[in-house]
Protein backbone atom coordinates (compact mmCIF):
# COMPACT_ATOMS: atom_id res chain seq x y z
CA MET A 1 14.30 46.07 -30.70
CA SER A 2 11.68 43.98 -28.90
CA LEU A 3 11.62 43.10 -25.24
CA ILE A 4 11.61 39.38 -24.60
CA ARG A 5 10.29 38.24 -21.25
CA ASN A 6 11.78 35.13 -19.73
CA PRO A 7 8.89 32.77 -18.92
CA ALA A 8 11.30 30.37 -17.18
CA LEU A 9 11.62 32.53 -14.07
CA ALA A 10 10.64 30.79 -10.88
CA LYS A 11 7.22 31.61 -9.53
CA LYS A 12 7.12 33.33 -6.13
CA PRO A 13 6.20 30.77 -3.46
CA ASN A 14 2.85 31.17 -1.74
CA TYR A 15 3.93 31.03 1.89
CA ASP A 16 0.44 31.85 3.17
CA PHE A 17 -0.95 28.74 1.46
CA GLU A 18 1.84 26.56 2.84
CA LYS A 19 1.33 27.94 6.34
CA ARG A 20 -2.45 27.43 6.16
CA LYS A 21 -2.00 23.86 4.83
CA LYS A 22 0.45 23.02 7.61
CA GLU A 23 -1.94 24.44 10.22
CA GLN A 24 -4.84 22.38 8.77
CA ASP A 25 -2.73 19.21 8.87
CA ARG A 26 -1.75 19.95 12.47
CA GLN A 27 -5.40 20.51 13.41
CA LYS A 28 -6.49 17.22 11.74
CA LYS A 29 -3.78 15.31 13.61
CA LYS A 30 -4.79 16.93 16.90
CA GLU A 31 -8.47 16.10 16.31
CA ALA A 32 -7.65 12.48 15.40
CA LYS A 33 -5.58 12.11 18.57
CA ARG A 34 -8.39 13.59 20.68
CA ALA A 35 -10.94 11.24 19.10
CA GLU A 36 -8.66 8.25 19.72
CA ARG A 37 -8.24 9.18 23.41
CA LEU A 38 -11.99 9.64 23.78
CA GLU A 39 -12.64 6.25 22.16
CA ARG A 40 -10.13 4.54 24.48
CA LYS A 41 -11.77 6.21 27.47
CA ARG A 42 -15.22 5.01 26.38
CA ASN A 43 -13.99 1.42 25.86
CA GLY A 44 -12.70 0.96 29.40
CA GLY A 45 -9.44 2.77 28.68
CA GLY A 46 -6.12 2.04 30.24
CA GLU A 47 -6.06 -1.68 29.47
CA GLY A 48 -2.41 -2.61 29.29
CA VAL A 49 -1.31 0.96 29.95
CA ASP A 50 0.93 1.57 32.93
CA GLY A 51 1.36 4.83 34.78
CA ILE A 52 4.57 6.38 36.03
CA ASP A 53 7.39 3.96 36.95
CA GLY A 54 5.39 0.91 35.88
CA MET A 55 2.68 1.50 38.44
CA GLU A 56 -0.86 0.83 37.35
CA VAL A 57 -3.12 3.90 37.40
CA LEU A 58 -6.38 3.24 39.25
CA ASP A 59 -9.79 4.77 38.48
CA ASP A 60 -9.55 7.21 41.40
CA GLY A 61 -6.26 8.58 40.05
CA SER A 62 -4.02 6.87 42.61
CA GLN A 63 -1.37 4.37 41.62
CA ALA A 64 -1.12 0.73 42.66
CA PRO A 65 2.28 -0.93 42.97
CA PRO A 66 3.27 -3.31 40.14
CA ASP A 67 2.37 -6.99 40.55
CA GLU A 68 5.95 -8.21 40.18
CA PRO A 69 8.89 -6.68 42.06
CA THR A 70 11.52 -5.00 39.92
CA VAL A 71 15.00 -6.50 40.23
CA VAL A 72 17.77 -3.96 39.87
């Protein structure tokens, strides 16, 4: 009587690899986002970007009221 091994058994997943890959992808996305923010900041940043409640954010960090009044 010979022992037959079943080669069709599922291979054990490599969770460490998956976790490391996910972490690398997350780090790449974070780095790309940081580079994009830095590039926007260098190119005059904030063009067309409004602050809280539609108020324009000024260079000194304060907020100017919107140009047009909001009708509610």
